[in-house]
Amino acid sequence: MSFTAWLFFLPACFALNMAPGPNNLLSINVAARHGFLRAFVGGMGRLVSFAAMIALAATGLAVVLRASEAIFFLVKLAGAAYLVWLAIQLWRSNASPIGGTLDSDASLARIAWRECLVAAGNPKAILVFTAFLPQFVDVAKPVGAQFGVLGASFLALECVAIALYALAGVYLGRFLTRATVRRWFNRTCGALLGAIGVSFLLVHRA
């Protein structure tokens, strides 16, 4: 991979990082309810799934996932089911005061685990690593090192995206002083997560 190809990769990659999706929506919701730091640190959980996907793509194992309709369908189904479950939990959640006592659902471990599972069940993320990243790899050169550079760049830009969405959530949190507004904010986030989950079922392999 040439330096020029890497420069072309960065803006295209960042556009993918910043695209509205279930993980970024989670960051907004967590930041609005529990603050920037909890949303940002918890958001690192998604990097575990993304790093695993990059490793699979680099070793060629992702080809199996991409080629198998059954496995891809199971991933879609699991991801959709989990997002719908999260949507229901948000819809039914209590409108606890912003900055109030944190419950177990707001622990960093729980937030990070939720981010990890949402990322792992996202078929669009799988397609990014099996179809998008390889476009920038020069097969005439060592592939592993190139995937390492591309993967590290993706994860670094993902950290920036997490921070930006968390900041957006903190800004929105200023308007959630009334319990009714907080309740409808949670329900809106839940409805969007549910819609994204259903849309997962419409994703097809290239």
Protein backbone atom coordinates (compact mmCIF):
# COMPACT_ATOMS: atom_id res chain seq x y z
CA MET A 1 0.00 0.00 0.00
CA SER A 2 1.41 3.35 -1.01
CA PHE A 3 1.32 6.47 1.12
CA THR A 4 -1.05 8.02 -1.44
CA ALA A 5 -3.46 5.11 -1.10
CA TRP A 6 -3.39 5.51 2.69
CA LEU A 7 -4.21 9.21 2.34
CA PHE A 8 -7.21 8.31 0.19
CA PHE A 9 -8.21 5.70 2.75
CA LEU A 10 -8.34 8.10 5.72
CA PRO A 11 -11.25 10.37 4.66
CA ALA A 12 -13.25 7.46 3.25
CA CYS A 13 -12.69 5.54 6.48
CA PHE A 14 -13.61 8.49 8.68
CA ALA A 15 -16.87 8.88 6.78
CA LEU A 16 -17.68 5.29 7.75
CA ASN A 17 -16.66 5.93 11.36
CA MET A 18 -18.95 8.95 11.58
CA ALA A 19 -21.93 7.36 9.83
CA PRO A 20 -24.94 7.15 12.17
CA GLY A 21 -25.25 3.62 13.45
CA PRO A 22 -26.21 1.63 16.54
CA ASN A 23 -22.91 2.11 18.36
CA ASN A 24 -22.81 5.85 17.76
CA LEU A 25 -26.43 6.11 18.86
CA LEU A 26 -25.53 4.28 22.06
CA SER A 27 -22.72 6.78 22.69
CA ILE A 28 -25.13 9.68 22.38
CA ASN A 29 -27.63 8.09 24.75
CA VAL A 30 -25.03 7.14 27.38
CA ALA A 31 -23.35 10.57 27.24
CA ALA A 32 -26.67 12.37 27.59
CA ARG A 33 -27.59 10.28 30.63
CA HIS A 34 -24.24 9.66 32.32
CA GLY A 35 -21.67 12.08 30.92
CA PHE A 36 -18.84 12.23 28.38
CA LEU A 37 -16.23 10.14 30.20
CA ARG A 38 -18.53 7.17 30.78
CA ALA A 39 -19.69 7.20 27.16
CA PHE A 40 -16.16 7.57 25.77
CA VAL A 41 -14.50 4.91 27.93
CA GLY A 42 -17.45 2.55 27.56
CA GLY A 43 -17.38 3.10 23.82
CA MET A 44 -13.96 1.46 23.70
CA GLY A 45 -15.81 -1.85 24.00
CA ARG A 46 -16.69 -1.70 20.32
CA LEU A 47 -12.98 -1.58 19.43
CA VAL A 48 -12.58 -5.14 20.71
CA SER A 49 -15.08 -6.42 18.14
CA PHE A 50 -13.66 -4.26 15.38
CA ALA A 51 -10.09 -5.39 16.13
CA ALA A 52 -11.23 -9.03 15.98
CA MET A 53 -12.91 -8.41 12.62
CA ILE A 54 -9.76 -6.76 11.27
CA ALA A 55 -7.68 -9.72 12.44
CA LEU A 56 -10.06 -12.14 10.74
CA ALA A 57 -9.93 -10.12 7.51
CA ALA A 58 -6.13 -10.06 7.63
CA THR A 59 -5.88 -13.83 8.03
CA GLY A 60 -8.46 -14.53 5.36
CA LEU A 61 -10.88 -16.23 7.74
CA ALA A 62 -13.45 -13.53 7.03
CA VAL A 63 -13.83 -15.01 3.53
CA VAL A 64 -15.62 -17.96 5.13
CA LEU A 65 -18.08 -15.65 6.83
CA ARG A 66 -18.62 -13.66 3.68
CA ALA A 67 -19.09 -16.76 1.54
CA SER A 68 -21.46 -18.60 3.87
CA GLU A 69 -25.04 -17.43 3.55
CA ALA A 70 -26.07 -19.41 6.64
CA ILE A 71 -23.40 -17.94 8.92
CA PHE A 72 -24.00 -14.42 7.63
CA PHE A 73 -27.74 -14.83 8.22
CA LEU A 74 -27.15 -16.03 11.79
CA VAL A 75 -24.97 -12.99 12.50
CA LYS A 76 -27.68 -10.71 11.09
CA LEU A 77 -30.37 -12.43 13.12
CA ALA A 78 -28.39 -12.27 16.36
CA GLY A 79 -27.49 -8.62 15.81
CA ALA A 80 -31.07 -7.66 14.98
CA ALA A 81 -32.46 -9.53 17.99
CA TYR A 82 -29.99 -7.90 20.37
CA LEU A 83 -30.72 -4.40 19.09
CA VAL A 84 -34.46 -4.95 19.37
CA TRP A 85 -33.93 -6.16 22.95
CA LEU A 86 -31.89 -3.02 23.72
CA ALA A 87 -34.62 -0.91 22.13
CA ILE A 88 -37.23 -2.45 24.41
CA GLN A 89 -35.04 -1.86 27.47
CA LEU A 90 -34.60 1.81 26.55
CA TRP A 91 -38.30 2.23 25.85
CA ARG A 92 -39.19 0.82 29.25
CA SER A 93 -36.35 2.48 31.21
CA ASN A 94 -37.06 4.93 34.01
CA ALA A 95 -36.30 8.58 33.34
CA SER A 96 -33.69 8.83 36.11
CA PRO A 97 -32.26 12.30 36.78
CA ILE A 98 -29.20 13.27 34.75
CA GLY A 99 -26.08 12.91 36.85
CA GLY A 100 -27.99 11.04 39.57
CA THR A 101 -27.00 7.80 41.22
CA LEU A 102 -25.72 5.34 38.64
CA ASP A 103 -27.41 1.96 38.46
CA SER A 104 -25.75 -1.30 37.44
CA ASP A 105 -26.83 -0.75 33.84
CA ALA A 106 -24.61 2.36 33.74
CA SER A 107 -21.42 0.65 34.91
CA LEU A 108 -18.44 1.00 32.58
CA ALA A 109 -18.17 -2.77 32.22
CA ARG A 110 -21.84 -3.06 31.22
CA ILE A 111 -21.61 -0.18 28.74
CA ALA A 112 -18.41 -1.56 27.17
CA TRP A 113 -19.89 -5.06 26.91
CA ARG A 114 -23.04 -3.67 25.29
CA GLU A 115 -20.94 -1.71 22.76
CA CYS A 116 -18.90 -4.85 22.03
CA LEU A 117 -21.97 -7.01 21.39
CA VAL A 118 -23.66 -4.38 19.22
CA ALA A 119 -20.54 -4.05 17.06
CA ALA A 120 -20.09 -7.82 16.82
CA GLY A 121 -23.64 -8.32 15.60
CA ASN A 122 -23.53 -5.56 12.98
CA PRO A 123 -23.44 -7.14 9.50
CA LYS A 124 -22.58 -3.78 7.97
CA ALA A 125 -19.38 -3.70 10.04
CA ILE A 126 -18.51 -7.18 8.80
CA LEU A 127 -18.90 -6.02 5.21
CA VAL A 128 -16.67 -3.00 5.91
CA PHE A 129 -13.80 -5.24 6.96
CA THR A 130 -14.31 -7.91 4.32
CA ALA A 131 -15.01 -5.65 1.34
CA PHE A 132 -13.82 -2.10 2.11
CA LEU A 133 -10.41 -2.53 3.75
CA PRO A 134 -9.07 -5.05 1.20
CA GLN A 135 -9.60 -2.49 -1.58
CA PHE A 136 -6.61 -0.57 -0.23
CA VAL A 137 -4.31 -3.58 0.13
CA ASP A 138 -1.55 -4.16 -2.43
CA VAL A 139 -1.40 -7.95 -2.83
CA ALA A 140 2.10 -7.66 -4.30
CA LYS A 141 3.37 -6.61 -0.87
CA PRO A 142 3.10 -8.24 2.58
CA VAL A 143 -0.61 -8.19 3.40
CA GLY A 144 -0.36 -8.49 7.18
CA ALA A 145 1.53 -5.24 7.67
CA GLN A 146 -0.89 -3.36 5.41
CA PHE A 147 -3.90 -4.65 7.33
CA GLY A 148 -2.11 -3.60 10.49
CA VAL A 149 -1.75 -0.01 9.26
CA LEU A 150 -5.30 0.15 7.89
CA GLY A 151 -6.74 -1.46 11.01
CA ALA A 152 -4.86 0.82 13.39
CA SER A 153 -5.99 3.84 11.36
CA PHE A 154 -9.60 2.67 11.47
CA LEU A 155 -9.51 2.14 15.24
CA ALA A 156 -7.86 5.52 15.85
CA LEU A 157 -10.51 7.29 13.76
CA GLU A 158 -13.20 5.29 15.55
CA CYS A 159 -11.94 6.76 18.84
CA VAL A 160 -12.40 10.23 17.37
CA ALA A 161 -15.94 9.32 16.28
CA ILE A 162 -16.76 8.02 19.76
CA ALA A 163 -15.55 11.29 21.29
CA LEU A 164 -17.54 13.44 18.85
CA TYR A 165 -20.77 11.50 19.35
CA ALA A 166 -20.25 11.54 23.11
CA LEU A 167 -19.84 15.32 22.98
CA ALA A 168 -23.06 15.55 21.00
CA GLY A 169 -24.75 13.47 23.69
CA VAL A 170 -23.46 15.77 26.45
CA TYR A 171 -24.87 18.75 24.56
CA LEU A 172 -28.25 17.03 24.24
CA GLY A 173 -28.13 16.17 27.93
CA ARG A 174 -28.48 19.85 28.79
CA PHE A 175 -32.03 19.76 27.47
CA LEU A 176 -33.04 16.65 29.41
CA THR A 177 -33.80 18.32 32.71
CA ARG A 178 -37.47 17.28 32.74
CA ALA A 179 -38.42 13.66 33.39
CA THR A 180 -40.90 13.68 30.51
CA VAL A 181 -38.25 14.87 28.06
CA ARG A 182 -35.78 12.23 29.32
CA ARG A 183 -38.38 9.52 28.94
CA TRP A 184 -39.13 10.49 25.35
CA PHE A 185 -35.42 10.80 24.58
CA ASN A 186 -34.91 7.21 25.75
CA ARG A 187 -37.91 6.07 23.75
CA THR A 188 -36.68 7.86 20.63
CA CYS A 189 -33.25 6.23 20.97
CA GLY A 190 -34.96 2.90 21.56
CA ALA A 191 -37.16 3.29 18.49
CA LEU A 192 -34.12 4.17 16.33
CA LEU A 193 -32.15 1.19 17.65
CA GLY A 194 -35.12 -1.07 16.93
CA ALA A 195 -35.38 0.30 13.39
CA ILE A 196 -31.65 -0.25 12.82
CA GLY A 197 -32.00 -3.78 14.15
CA VAL A 198 -34.78 -4.55 11.69
CA SER A 199 -32.71 -2.99 8.89
CA PHE A 200 -29.93 -5.48 9.66
CA LEU A 201 -32.19 -8.19 8.21
CA LEU A 202 -32.21 -6.34 4.89
CA VAL A 203 -28.39 -6.34 4.57
CA HIS A 204 -27.12 -8.66 1.85
CA ARG A 205 -23.65 -9.87 1.04
CA ALA A 206 -21.94 -8.21 -1.90
